[in-house]
Amino acid sequence: MVVACCVLGVVALAISLMLARRTMGSRVAQVAVIPATEEYGYRLMAQTSELMGPDLPDPSSRYAGNRLSCESCHVHAGAEPGSLSLFGAVRNYPKFSARTATIRTLEVRINECMGRSMNGRPFPPDSPQLLAMAAWIRSLGARGAAPSESARRPNESRDGAAGENQGKAASPAPFHAPDRTAKVYAGKEIYEQRCATCHGYNGLGLLASASPVHGYVFPPVWGPDSFNTGAGMHRLLTAAPFIKARMPLGRPDLTDDEAYDVAAYVNAQPRPEMPNLEADFPDKRTKQVDAAYPPFADPFPLEQHRLGPFQPIEAYYKQHKKESE
């Protein structure tokens, strides 16, 4: 009974936040000129499906290929401290990307997310959407603090001690990958016990309304409306730390082993396929050990790159690098 009440409470909270965000978004949409560009960037990340999703009447505005929100991974549009926070993102760019063997800017990184996590298409370099999203992320880095409620209200200041304290919130316990093969069957059991109430036994999530344009209260974790096979979340060593840090919503208490197995189960399910993944990582020696698509520069099988154990693969590359120096 207590568990059921907790679950219902979490669902009610999520739905109330979604409805509040939609109501607020409709008020903001009535403003002819948005004075702070980052405010539009915030809205794009919080209301992704409504503002650039596949159901918009104007095809030129459809950049996201699914109905996820950027907030599906970057909680509160990246302003929530902890896993996949965007506070420090601006300090990481420009930087070299092994995946493309080029110097990657923040704007390029956003477009990569659009093509992979959002299963969509990139923005033109001068598009207002791209510039606004980059401005929002830079504003987080410049303030070094969570924007709190003021981020949702144009023309209000986001400065203040409360926001700074939020930005310094404690990080979750680190994830340590088990030195074993992930157990998909065990992940299925844990998923059905701890995750299916929100994300569905079929993994297809819970829509916010009868109209899919409004996106999801709880996002799909597989299926045609989820991230594609090129997304970072499709890598086990990216998904498992996120699951441990954030899930179940409101009470993230899974162990390393449980998060590891749940991630394996989720990523074993069908989802959109990203084409031309073999072109990633021109130097295959720089490829992440859990990037589970060929070709590889090592003798380990595809299944081990998908489910581990990853420590032997990491040791192989460390030894190879040592011998080549």
C-alpha atoms as a PDB file:
ATOM      1  CA  MET A   1       0.000   0.000   0.000  1.00  0.00           C
ATOM      2  CA  VAL A   2       2.815   2.415   0.906  1.00  0.00           C
ATOM      3  CA  VAL A   3       4.631   1.618  -2.339  1.00  0.00           C
ATOM      4  CA  ALA A   4       1.458   2.158  -4.348  1.00  0.00           C
ATOM      5  CA  CYS A   5       0.896   5.537  -2.684  1.00  0.00           C
ATOM      6  CA  CYS A   6       4.491   6.557  -3.404  1.00  0.00           C
ATOM      7  CA  VAL A   7       4.116   5.567  -7.050  1.00  0.00           C
ATOM      8  CA  LEU A   8       0.853   7.444  -7.400  1.00  0.00           C
ATOM      9  CA  GLY A   9       2.435  10.454  -5.743  1.00  0.00           C
ATOM     10  CA  VAL A  10       5.323  10.459  -8.208  1.00  0.00           C
ATOM     11  CA  VAL A  11       2.939  10.113 -11.150  1.00  0.00           C
ATOM     12  CA  ALA A  12       0.744  12.930  -9.848  1.00  0.00           C
ATOM     13  CA  LEU A  13       3.781  15.166  -9.322  1.00  0.00           C
ATOM     14  CA  ALA A  14       5.093  14.495 -12.821  1.00  0.00           C
ATOM     15  CA  ILE A  15       1.715  15.163 -14.411  1.00  0.00           C
ATOM     16  CA  SER A  16       1.218  18.387 -12.442  1.00  0.00           C
ATOM     17  CA  LEU A  17       4.663  19.628 -13.482  1.00  0.00           C
ATOM     18  CA  MET A  18       3.936  18.801 -17.115  1.00  0.00           C
ATOM     19  CA  LEU A  19       0.603  20.620 -17.067  1.00  0.00           C
ATOM     20  CA  ALA A  20       2.131  23.615 -15.329  1.00  0.00           C
ATOM     21  CA  ARG A  21       4.929  23.753 -17.877  1.00  0.00           C
ATOM     22  CA  ARG A  22       2.468  23.579 -20.784  1.00  0.00           C
ATOM     23  CA  THR A  23       0.303  26.336 -19.284  1.00  0.00           C
ATOM     24  CA  MET A  24       3.359  28.506 -18.701  1.00  0.00           C
ATOM     25  CA  GLY A  25       4.616  27.776 -22.192  1.00  0.00           C
ATOM     26  CA  SER A  26       1.351  28.927 -23.744  1.00  0.00           C
ATOM     27  CA  ARG A  27       1.596  32.216 -21.819  1.00  0.00           C
ATOM     28  CA  VAL A  28       5.181  32.777 -22.910  1.00  0.00           C
ATOM     29  CA  ALA A  29       4.259  31.966 -26.510  1.00  0.00           C
ATOM     30  CA  GLN A  30       2.016  35.039 -26.503  1.00  0.00           C
ATOM     31  CA  VAL A  31       5.039  37.332 -26.020  1.00  0.00           C
ATOM     32  CA  ALA A  32       5.856  38.767 -29.447  1.00  0.00           C
ATOM     33  CA  VAL A  33       9.549  39.320 -28.714  1.00  0.00           C
ATOM     34  CA  ILE A  34      11.461  37.247 -26.177  1.00  0.00           C
ATOM     35  CA  PRO A  35      13.941  39.679 -24.610  1.00  0.00           C
ATOM     36  CA  ALA A  36      16.410  37.041 -23.387  1.00  0.00           C
ATOM     37  CA  THR A  37      17.517  34.569 -26.071  1.00  0.00           C
ATOM     38  CA  GLU A  38      18.329  31.946 -23.475  1.00  0.00           C
ATOM     39  CA  GLU A  39      14.688  31.944 -22.409  1.00  0.00           C
ATOM     40  CA  TYR A  40      13.742  30.622 -25.836  1.00  0.00           C
ATOM     41  CA  GLY A  41      16.526  28.071 -25.515  1.00  0.00           C
ATOM     42  CA  TYR A  42      15.073  26.940 -22.211  1.00  0.00           C
ATOM     43  CA  ARG A  43      11.631  26.543 -23.773  1.00  0.00           C
ATOM     44  CA  LEU A  44      13.047  24.523 -26.664  1.00  0.00           C
ATOM     45  CA  MET A  45      14.653  22.101 -24.226  1.00  0.00           C
ATOM     46  CA  ALA A  46      11.612  21.919 -21.952  1.00  0.00           C
ATOM     47  CA  GLN A  47       8.923  21.813 -24.673  1.00  0.00           C
ATOM     48  CA  THR A  48      10.883  20.119 -27.431  1.00  0.00           C
ATOM     49  CA  SER A  49       8.025  18.158 -28.973  1.00  0.00           C
ATOM     50  CA  GLU A  50       5.674  21.150 -29.005  1.00  0.00           C
ATOM     51  CA  LEU A  51       8.187  23.574 -30.525  1.00  0.00           C
ATOM     52  CA  MET A  52      10.170  21.431 -32.965  1.00  0.00           C
ATOM     53  CA  GLY A  53       8.691  17.938 -32.943  1.00  0.00           C
ATOM     54  CA  PRO A  54       7.377  15.761 -35.784  1.00  0.00           C
ATOM     55  CA  ASP A  55       3.727  16.801 -35.359  1.00  0.00           C
ATOM     56  CA  LEU A  56       4.131  20.496 -36.170  1.00  0.00           C
ATOM     57  CA  PRO A  57       2.081  21.645 -39.175  1.00  0.00           C
ATOM     58  CA  ASP A  58       5.078  23.383 -40.784  1.00  0.00           C
ATOM     59  CA  PRO A  59       7.550  20.718 -41.989  1.00  0.00           C
ATOM     60  CA  SER A  60      10.415  23.213 -41.877  1.00  0.00           C
ATOM     61  CA  SER A  61       9.961  23.468 -38.093  1.00  0.00           C
ATOM     62  CA  ARG A  62      10.237  19.714 -37.520  1.00  0.00           C
ATOM     63  CA  TYR A  63      13.760  19.122 -36.293  1.00  0.00           C
ATOM     64  CA  ALA A  64      13.159  16.403 -33.692  1.00  0.00           C
ATOM     65  CA  GLY A  65      12.305  13.041 -35.213  1.00  0.00           C
ATOM     66  CA  ASN A  66      10.729  11.722 -32.021  1.00  0.00           C
ATOM     67  CA  ARG A  67       8.547  13.204 -29.294  1.00  0.00           C
ATOM     68  CA  LEU A  68      11.117  13.139 -26.531  1.00  0.00           C
ATOM     69  CA  SER A  69      12.094  16.279 -24.698  1.00  0.00           C
ATOM     70  CA  CYS A  70      15.680  17.374 -24.108  1.00  0.00           C
ATOM     71  CA  GLU A  71      14.566  17.215 -20.460  1.00  0.00           C
ATOM     72  CA  SER A  72      14.132  13.460 -20.822  1.00  0.00           C
ATOM     73  CA  CYS A  73      17.861  13.226 -20.120  1.00  0.00           C
ATOM     74  CA  HIS A  74      18.898  16.752 -19.103  1.00  0.00           C
ATOM     75  CA  VAL A  75      16.551  17.245 -16.147  1.00  0.00           C
ATOM     76  CA  HIS A  76      15.035  20.745 -15.870  1.00  0.00           C
ATOM     77  CA  ALA A  77      16.613  21.646 -19.227  1.00  0.00           C
ATOM     78  CA  GLY A  78      20.039  20.778 -17.841  1.00  0.00           C
ATOM     79  CA  ALA A  79      19.647  23.000 -14.795  1.00  0.00           C
ATOM     80  CA  GLU A  80      19.292  20.151 -12.307  1.00  0.00           C
ATOM     81  CA  PRO A  81      22.622  19.378 -10.611  1.00  0.00           C
ATOM     82  CA  GLY A  82      23.847  15.817 -10.947  1.00  0.00           C
ATOM     83  CA  SER A  83      23.890  13.343 -13.814  1.00  0.00           C
ATOM     84  CA  LEU A  84      23.763  14.997 -17.272  1.00  0.00           C
ATOM     85  CA  SER A  85      23.594  18.500 -15.816  1.00  0.00           C
ATOM     86  CA  LEU A  86      24.635  21.158 -18.340  1.00  0.00           C
ATOM     87  CA  PHE A  87      26.223  23.587 -15.873  1.00  0.00           C
ATOM     88  CA  GLY A  88      29.749  22.743 -16.971  1.00  0.00           C
ATOM     89  CA  ALA A  89      29.039  21.976 -20.629  1.00  0.00           C
ATOM     90  CA  VAL A  90      30.223  25.327 -21.949  1.00  0.00           C
ATOM     91  CA  ARG A  91      33.691  24.738 -20.489  1.00  0.00           C
ATOM     92  CA  ASN A  92      34.072  21.564 -22.559  1.00  0.00           C
ATOM     93  CA  TYR A  93      33.848  23.244 -25.960  1.00  0.00           C
ATOM     94  CA  PRO A  94      35.403  23.640 -28.381  1.00  0.00           C
ATOM     95  CA  LYS A  95      37.260  20.339 -28.052  1.00  0.00           C
ATOM     96  CA  PHE A  96      38.489  17.481 -30.183  1.00  0.00           C
ATOM     97  CA  SER A  97      35.929  14.777 -30.984  1.00  0.00           C
ATOM     98  CA  ALA A  98      37.302  11.302 -31.592  1.00  0.00           C
ATOM     99  CA  ARG A  99      33.962  10.306 -33.116  1.00  0.00           C
ATOM    100  CA  THR A 100      34.422  12.729 -36.021  1.00  0.00           C
ATOM    101  CA  ALA A 101      38.168  13.458 -35.744  1.00  0.00           C
ATOM    102  CA  THR A 102      37.354  17.187 -35.773  1.00  0.00           C
ATOM    103  CA  ILE A 103      37.203  20.079 -33.325  1.00  0.00           C
ATOM    104  CA  ARG A 104      33.645  20.177 -32.039  1.00  0.00           C
ATOM    105  CA  THR A 105      31.899  23.384 -30.916  1.00  0.00           C
ATOM    106  CA  LEU A 106      28.939  23.546 -28.539  1.00  0.00           C
ATOM    107  CA  GLU A 107      26.647  24.154 -31.504  1.00  0.00           C
ATOM    108  CA  VAL A 108      27.970  21.068 -33.306  1.00  0.00           C
ATOM    109  CA  ARG A 109      27.415  19.031 -30.150  1.00  0.00           C
ATOM    110  CA  ILE A 110      23.792  20.210 -29.946  1.00  0.00           C
ATOM    111  CA  ASN A 111      23.256  19.175 -33.567  1.00  0.00           C
ATOM    112  CA  GLU A 112      24.729  15.750 -32.824  1.00  0.00           C
ATOM    113  CA  CYS A 113      22.111  15.318 -30.103  1.00  0.00           C
ATOM    114  CA  MET A 114      19.418  16.296 -32.580  1.00  0.00           C
ATOM    115  CA  GLY A 115      20.540  13.578 -34.990  1.00  0.00           C
ATOM    116  CA  ARG A 116      21.096  10.858 -32.397  1.00  0.00           C
ATOM    117  CA  SER A 117      19.136  11.270 -29.163  1.00  0.00           C
ATOM    118  CA  MET A 118      16.290  13.118 -30.888  1.00  0.00           C
ATOM    119  CA  ASN A 119      16.474  10.944 -34.035  1.00  0.00           C
ATOM    120  CA  GLY A 120      16.007  14.096 -36.100  1.00  0.00           C
ATOM    121  CA  ARG A 121      17.989  16.500 -38.242  1.00  0.00           C
ATOM    122  CA  PRO A 122      20.519  19.246 -37.518  1.00  0.00           C
ATOM    123  CA  PHE A 123      19.711  22.932 -37.294  1.00  0.00           C
ATOM    124  CA  PRO A 124      21.208  25.314 -39.853  1.00  0.00           C
ATOM    125  CA  PRO A 125      24.219  27.088 -38.286  1.00  0.00           C
ATOM    126  CA  ASP A 126      22.392  30.421 -38.079  1.00  0.00           C
ATOM    127  CA  SER A 127      19.001  29.091 -36.988  1.00  0.00           C
ATOM    128  CA  PRO A 128      17.352  30.840 -34.018  1.00  0.00           C
ATOM    129  CA  GLN A 129      16.740  27.471 -32.369  1.00  0.00           C
ATOM    130  CA  LEU A 130      20.409  26.504 -32.372  1.00  0.00           C
ATOM    131  CA  LEU A 131      21.578  29.926 -31.232  1.00  0.00           C
ATOM    132  CA  ALA A 132      18.983  30.015 -28.460  1.00  0.00           C
ATOM    133  CA  MET A 133      19.811  26.558 -27.127  1.00  0.00           C
ATOM    134  CA  ALA A 134      23.511  27.389 -27.112  1.00  0.00           C
ATOM    135  CA  ALA A 135      22.735  30.669 -25.328  1.00  0.00           C
ATOM    136  CA  TRP A 136      20.734  28.831 -22.656  1.00  0.00           C
ATOM    137  CA  ILE A 137      23.528  26.349 -22.014  1.00  0.00           C
ATOM    138  CA  ARG A 138      26.101  29.149 -21.897  1.00  0.00           C
ATOM    139  CA  SER A 139      23.918  31.040 -19.438  1.00  0.00           C
ATOM    140  CA  LEU A 140      24.028  28.048 -17.100  1.00  0.00           C
ATOM    141  CA  GLY A 141      27.798  27.954 -17.276  1.00  0.00           C
ATOM    142  CA  ALA A 142      28.106  31.711 -16.775  1.00  0.00           C
ATOM    143  CA  ARG A 143      25.913  31.743 -13.680  1.00  0.00           C
ATOM    144  CA  GLY A 144      27.185  28.464 -12.292  1.00  0.00           C
ATOM    145  CA  ALA A 145      23.835  28.003 -10.551  1.00  0.00           C
ATOM    146  CA  ALA A 146      20.447  26.439 -11.124  1.00  0.00           C
ATOM    147  CA  PRO A 147      17.965  29.015 -12.474  1.00  0.00           C
ATOM    148  CA  SER A 148      15.105  27.927 -10.209  1.00  0.00           C
ATOM    149  CA  GLU A 149      11.655  29.325 -10.997  1.00  0.00           C
ATOM    150  CA  SER A 150      12.959  32.534 -12.585  1.00  0.00           C
ATOM    151  CA  ALA A 151      14.165  30.565 -15.621  1.00  0.00           C
ATOM    152  CA  ARG A 152      10.538  29.971 -16.477  1.00  0.00           C
ATOM    153  CA  ARG A 153       9.556  33.632 -16.361  1.00  0.00           C
ATOM    154  CA  PRO A 154      10.939  36.061 -18.959  1.00  0.00           C
ATOM    155  CA  ASN A 155      12.222  39.444 -17.707  1.00  0.00           C
ATOM    156  CA  GLU A 156      12.881  38.204 -14.150  1.00  0.00           C
ATOM    157  CA  SER A 157      16.375  38.038 -12.687  1.00  0.00           C
ATOM    158  CA  ARG A 158      17.938  34.617 -12.121  1.00  0.00           C
ATOM    159  CA  ASP A 159      20.615  35.861  -9.733  1.00  0.00           C
ATOM    160  CA  GLY A 160      20.593  35.091  -6.030  1.00  0.00           C
ATOM    161  CA  ALA A 161      21.978  32.915  -3.273  1.00  0.00           C
ATOM    162  CA  ALA A 162      19.220  30.319  -3.582  1.00  0.00           C
ATOM    163  CA  GLY A 163      20.172  29.524  -7.157  1.00  0.00           C
ATOM    164  CA  GLU A 164      23.851  29.338  -6.255  1.00  0.00           C
ATOM    165  CA  ASN A 165      23.119  26.840  -3.508  1.00  0.00           C
ATOM    166  CA  GLN A 166      21.144  24.692  -5.934  1.00  0.00           C
ATOM    167  CA  GLY A 167      24.070  24.694  -8.360  1.00  0.00           C
ATOM    168  CA  LYS A 168      26.323  23.301  -5.635  1.00  0.00           C
ATOM    169  CA  ALA A 169      24.080  20.374  -4.770  1.00  0.00           C
ATOM    170  CA  ALA A 170      25.851  17.128  -3.992  1.00  0.00           C
ATOM    171  CA  SER A 171      26.526  14.755  -6.866  1.00  0.00           C
ATOM    172  CA  PRO A 172      25.103  11.223  -6.731  1.00  0.00           C
ATOM    173  CA  ALA A 173      27.266   8.315  -5.673  1.00  0.00           C
ATOM    174  CA  PRO A 174      29.597   7.315  -8.521  1.00  0.00           C
ATOM    175  CA  PHE A 175      28.771   4.325 -10.674  1.00  0.00           C
ATOM    176  CA  HIS A 176      31.272   1.468 -10.809  1.00  0.00           C
ATOM    177  CA  ALA A 177      30.736  -0.933 -13.701  1.00  0.00           C
ATOM    178  CA  PRO A 178      30.574  -4.554 -12.508  1.00  0.00           C
ATOM    179  CA  ASP A 179      33.342  -6.739 -13.922  1.00  0.00           C
ATOM    180  CA  ARG A 180      30.936  -9.152 -15.600  1.00  0.00           C
ATOM    181  CA  THR A 181      28.571  -9.585 -18.494  1.00  0.00           C
ATOM    182  CA  ALA A 182      25.319  -7.688 -17.975  1.00  0.00           C
ATOM    183  CA  LYS A 183      22.292  -9.932 -17.431  1.00  0.00           C
ATOM    184  CA  VAL A 184      19.462  -8.894 -19.712  1.00  0.00           C
ATOM    185  CA  TYR A 185      16.993 -11.296 -18.059  1.00  0.00           C
ATOM    186  CA  ALA A 186      17.788  -9.849 -14.608  1.00  0.00           C
ATOM    187  CA  GLY A 187      17.372  -6.344 -16.016  1.00  0.00           C
ATOM    188  CA  LYS A 188      13.928  -7.286 -17.313  1.00  0.00           C
ATOM    189  CA  GLU A 189      12.813  -8.377 -13.845  1.00  0.00           C
ATOM    190  CA  ILE A 190      14.084  -5.171 -12.223  1.00  0.00           C
ATOM    191  CA  TYR A 191      12.573  -3.036 -14.981  1.00  0.00           C
ATOM    192  CA  GLU A 192       9.147  -4.610 -14.515  1.00  0.00           C
ATOM    193  CA  GLN A 193       9.344  -4.136 -10.747  1.00  0.00           C
ATOM    194  CA  ARG A 194      10.792  -0.615 -10.595  1.00  0.00           C
ATOM    195  CA  CYS A 195      10.466   1.105 -13.989  1.00  0.00           C
ATOM    196  CA  ALA A 196       7.371  -0.161 -15.809  1.00  0.00           C
ATOM    197  CA  THR A 197       4.889   1.815 -13.692  1.00  0.00           C
ATOM    198  CA  CYS A 198       6.105   5.010 -15.371  1.00  0.00           C
ATOM    199  CA  HIS A 199       7.696   3.927 -18.653  1.00  0.00           C
ATOM    200  CA  GLY A 200       5.281   1.073 -19.378  1.00  0.00           C
ATOM    201  CA  TYR A 201       5.802  -2.658 -19.586  1.00  0.00           C
ATOM    202  CA  ASN A 202       6.103  -2.129 -23.336  1.00  0.00           C
ATOM    203  CA  GLY A 203       8.675   0.646 -22.815  1.00  0.00           C
ATOM    204  CA  LEU A 204       6.588   3.149 -24.767  1.00  0.00           C
ATOM    205  CA  GLY A 205       6.141   5.718 -22.000  1.00  0.00           C
ATOM    206  CA  LEU A 206       3.111   7.791 -21.051  1.00  0.00           C
ATOM    207  CA  LEU A 207       1.887  10.577 -23.344  1.00  0.00           C
ATOM    208  CA  ALA A 208       1.041  13.921 -21.757  1.00  0.00           C
ATOM    209  CA  SER A 209      -2.299  14.141 -23.583  1.00  0.00           C
ATOM    210  CA  ALA A 210      -4.349  12.587 -26.348  1.00  0.00           C
ATOM    211  CA  SER A 211      -2.414  14.747 -28.793  1.00  0.00           C
ATOM    212  CA  PRO A 212       1.158  13.460 -29.237  1.00  0.00           C
ATOM    213  CA  VAL A 213       2.439  16.954 -30.034  1.00  0.00           C
ATOM    214  CA  HIS A 214       2.654  17.600 -26.284  1.00  0.00           C
ATOM    215  CA  GLY A 215       5.165  14.807 -25.805  1.00  0.00           C
ATOM    216  CA  TYR A 216       5.437  12.597 -22.763  1.00  0.00           C
ATOM    217  CA  VAL A 217       5.005  12.766 -19.021  1.00  0.00           C
ATOM    218  CA  PHE A 218       7.283   9.713 -18.875  1.00  0.00           C
ATOM    219  CA  PRO A 219       9.386   9.176 -22.007  1.00  0.00           C
ATOM    220  CA  PRO A 220       9.596   5.948 -23.997  1.00  0.00           C
ATOM    221  CA  VAL A 221      12.819   4.055 -23.368  1.00  0.00           C
ATOM    222  CA  TRP A 222      12.560   1.973 -26.535  1.00  0.00           C
ATOM    223  CA  GLY A 223      10.357   1.790 -29.603  1.00  0.00           C
ATOM    224  CA  PRO A 224       9.911   4.149 -32.567  1.00  0.00           C
ATOM    225  CA  ASP A 225       9.632   7.309 -30.434  1.00  0.00           C
ATOM    226  CA  SER A 226      12.825   6.752 -28.448  1.00  0.00           C
ATOM    227  CA  PHE A 227      16.497   7.619 -29.040  1.00  0.00           C
ATOM    228  CA  ASN A 228      18.240   5.829 -31.887  1.00  0.00           C
ATOM    229  CA  THR A 229      21.166   3.404 -31.925  1.00  0.00           C
ATOM    230  CA  GLY A 230      23.690   6.215 -32.380  1.00  0.00           C
ATOM    231  CA  ALA A 231      22.700   8.007 -29.173  1.00  0.00           C
ATOM    232  CA  GLY A 232      24.995   8.070 -26.177  1.00  0.00           C
ATOM    233  CA  MET A 233      22.214   6.559 -24.066  1.00  0.00           C
ATOM    234  CA  HIS A 234      22.388   3.468 -26.245  1.00  0.00           C
ATOM    235  CA  ARG A 235      25.805   2.763 -24.721  1.00  0.00           C
ATOM    236  CA  LEU A 236      25.655   0.655 -21.571  1.00  0.00           C
ATOM    237  CA  LEU A 237      28.282   2.671 -19.680  1.00  0.00           C
ATOM    238  CA  THR A 238      26.347   5.883 -20.340  1.00  0.00           C
ATOM    239  CA  ALA A 239      22.869   4.544 -19.594  1.00  0.00           C
ATOM    240  CA  ALA A 240      23.737   2.686 -16.379  1.00  0.00           C
ATOM    241  CA  PRO A 241      25.202   5.696 -14.469  1.00  0.00           C
ATOM    242  CA  PHE A 242      22.203   7.818 -15.504  1.00  0.00           C
ATOM    243  CA  ILE A 243      19.752   5.147 -14.354  1.00  0.00           C
ATOM    244  CA  LYS A 244      21.542   4.771 -11.034  1.00  0.00           C
ATOM    245  CA  ALA A 245      21.628   8.535 -10.452  1.00  0.00           C
ATOM    246  CA  ARG A 246      18.068   9.382 -11.515  1.00  0.00           C
ATOM    247  CA  MET A 247      15.805   6.335 -11.431  1.00  0.00           C
ATOM    248  CA  PRO A 248      13.261   5.490 -10.193  1.00  0.00           C
ATOM    249  CA  LEU A 249      12.051   9.091 -10.321  1.00  0.00           C
ATOM    250  CA  GLY A 250      12.125  10.703  -6.909  1.00  0.00           C
ATOM    251  CA  ARG A 251      13.804   7.715  -5.256  1.00  0.00           C
ATOM    252  CA  PRO A 252      16.948   6.667  -7.134  1.00  0.00           C
ATOM    253  CA  ASP A 253      18.115   3.697  -5.077  1.00  0.00           C
ATOM    254  CA  LEU A 254      19.270   1.075  -7.571  1.00  0.00           C
ATOM    255  CA  THR A 255      22.626  -0.581  -6.989  1.00  0.00           C
ATOM    256  CA  ASP A 256      25.427  -0.595  -9.559  1.00  0.00           C
ATOM    257  CA  ASP A 257      24.498  -4.153 -10.531  1.00  0.00           C
ATOM    258  CA  GLU A 258      20.791  -3.367 -10.870  1.00  0.00           C
ATOM    259  CA  ALA A 259      21.389  -0.246 -12.982  1.00  0.00           C
ATOM    260  CA  TYR A 260      23.873  -2.179 -15.144  1.00  0.00           C
ATOM    261  CA  ASP A 261      21.367  -4.935 -15.867  1.00  0.00           C
ATOM    262  CA  VAL A 262      18.425  -2.568 -16.430  1.00  0.00           C
ATOM    263  CA  ALA A 263      20.493  -0.568 -18.931  1.00  0.00           C
ATOM    264  CA  ALA A 264      21.357  -3.793 -20.753  1.00  0.00           C
ATOM    265  CA  TYR A 265      17.690  -4.809 -20.916  1.00  0.00           C
ATOM    266  CA  VAL A 266      16.506  -1.400 -22.150  1.00  0.00           C
ATOM    267  CA  ASN A 267      19.192  -1.208 -24.821  1.00  0.00           C
ATOM    268  CA  ALA A 268      18.457  -4.745 -26.001  1.00  0.00           C
ATOM    269  CA  GLN A 269      14.992  -3.599 -27.120  1.00  0.00           C
ATOM    270  CA  PRO A 270      14.139  -2.341 -30.634  1.00  0.00           C
ATOM    271  CA  ARG A 271      14.565   1.323 -31.484  1.00  0.00           C
ATOM    272  CA  PRO A 272      15.317   3.464 -34.569  1.00  0.00           C
ATOM    273  CA  GLU A 273      18.527   2.561 -36.383  1.00  0.00           C
ATOM    274  CA  MET A 274      20.985   5.342 -37.176  1.00  0.00           C
ATOM    275  CA  PRO A 275      22.598   4.848 -40.596  1.00  0.00           C
ATOM    276  CA  ASN A 276      26.321   4.981 -41.358  1.00  0.00           C
ATOM    277  CA  LEU A 277      27.533   4.297 -37.836  1.00  0.00           C
ATOM    278  CA  GLU A 278      30.556   2.537 -39.305  1.00  0.00           C
ATOM    279  CA  ALA A 279      31.871   5.992 -40.249  1.00  0.00           C
ATOM    280  CA  ASP A 280      32.132   6.995 -36.577  1.00  0.00           C
ATOM    281  CA  PHE A 281      35.634   7.129 -35.102  1.00  0.00           C
ATOM    282  CA  PRO A 282      38.005   7.307 -38.091  1.00  0.00           C
ATOM    283  CA  ASP A 283      40.629   5.978 -35.700  1.00  0.00           C
ATOM    284  CA  LYS A 284      38.832   2.902 -34.323  1.00  0.00           C
ATOM    285  CA  ARG A 285      41.324   2.717 -31.443  1.00  0.00           C
ATOM    286  CA  THR A 286      39.620   5.777 -29.921  1.00  0.00           C
ATOM    287  CA  LYS A 287      36.159   4.220 -29.965  1.00  0.00           C
ATOM    288  CA  GLN A 288      34.381   3.788 -26.626  1.00  0.00           C
ATOM    289  CA  VAL A 289      34.563   0.207 -25.430  1.00  0.00           C
ATOM    290  CA  ASP A 290      30.750   0.045 -25.148  1.00  0.00           C
ATOM    291  CA  ALA A 291      30.018   1.546 -28.585  1.00  0.00           C
ATOM    292  CA  ALA A 292      28.357  -1.662 -29.723  1.00  0.00           C
ATOM    293  CA  TYR A 293      28.572  -1.402 -33.481  1.00  0.00           C
ATOM    294  CA  PRO A 294      31.411  -2.582 -35.730  1.00  0.00           C
ATOM    295  CA  PRO A 295      34.093  -2.267 -36.925  1.00  0.00           C
ATOM    296  CA  PHE A 296      36.449  -2.502 -33.948  1.00  0.00           C
ATOM    297  CA  ALA A 297      40.210  -2.243 -33.579  1.00  0.00           C
ATOM    298  CA  ASP A 298      40.344  -5.106 -31.084  1.00  0.00           C
ATOM    299  CA  PRO A 299      39.696  -8.863 -31.087  1.00  0.00           C
ATOM    300  CA  PHE A 300      36.688  -8.778 -28.738  1.00  0.00           C
ATOM    301  CA  PRO A 301      33.256  -9.876 -30.040  1.00  0.00           C
ATOM    302  CA  LEU A 302      30.333  -7.547 -30.654  1.00  0.00           C
ATOM    303  CA  GLU A 303      28.413  -9.086 -27.759  1.00  0.00           C
ATOM    304  CA  GLN A 304      31.155  -8.097 -25.296  1.00  0.00           C
ATOM    305  CA  HIS A 305      31.127  -4.510 -26.560  1.00  0.00           C
ATOM    306  CA  ARG A 306      27.369  -4.563 -25.978  1.00  0.00           C
ATOM    307  CA  LEU A 307      27.136  -6.281 -22.587  1.00  0.00           C
ATOM    308  CA  GLY A 308      30.652  -6.416 -21.137  1.00  0.00           C
ATOM    309  CA  PRO A 309      32.691  -7.202 -19.240  1.00  0.00           C
ATOM    310  CA  PHE A 310      34.426  -4.016 -20.378  1.00  0.00           C
ATOM    311  CA  GLN A 311      37.499  -4.147 -18.171  1.00  0.00           C
ATOM    312  CA  PRO A 312      39.357  -6.622 -20.458  1.00  0.00           C
ATOM    313  CA  ILE A 313      38.699  -4.380 -23.470  1.00  0.00           C
ATOM    314  CA  GLU A 314      39.967  -1.329 -21.583  1.00  0.00           C
ATOM    315  CA  ALA A 315      43.058  -3.254 -20.478  1.00  0.00           C
ATOM    316  CA  TYR A 316      43.729  -4.292 -24.083  1.00  0.00           C
ATOM    317  CA  TYR A 317      43.801  -0.692 -25.291  1.00  0.00           C
ATOM    318  CA  LYS A 318      45.910   0.475 -22.364  1.00  0.00           C
ATOM    319  CA  GLN A 319      48.471  -2.212 -23.106  1.00  0.00           C
ATOM    320  CA  HIS A 320      48.373  -1.451 -26.833  1.00  0.00           C
ATOM    321  CA  LYS A 321      48.988   2.234 -26.139  1.00  0.00           C
ATOM    322  CA  LYS A 322      51.829   1.455 -23.748  1.00  0.00           C
ATOM    323  CA  GLU A 323      53.545  -0.776 -26.289  1.00  0.00           C
ATOM    324  CA  SER A 324      53.239   1.825 -29.044  1.00  0.00           C
ATOM    325  CA  GLU A 325      54.831   4.596 -26.977  1.00  0.00           C
END
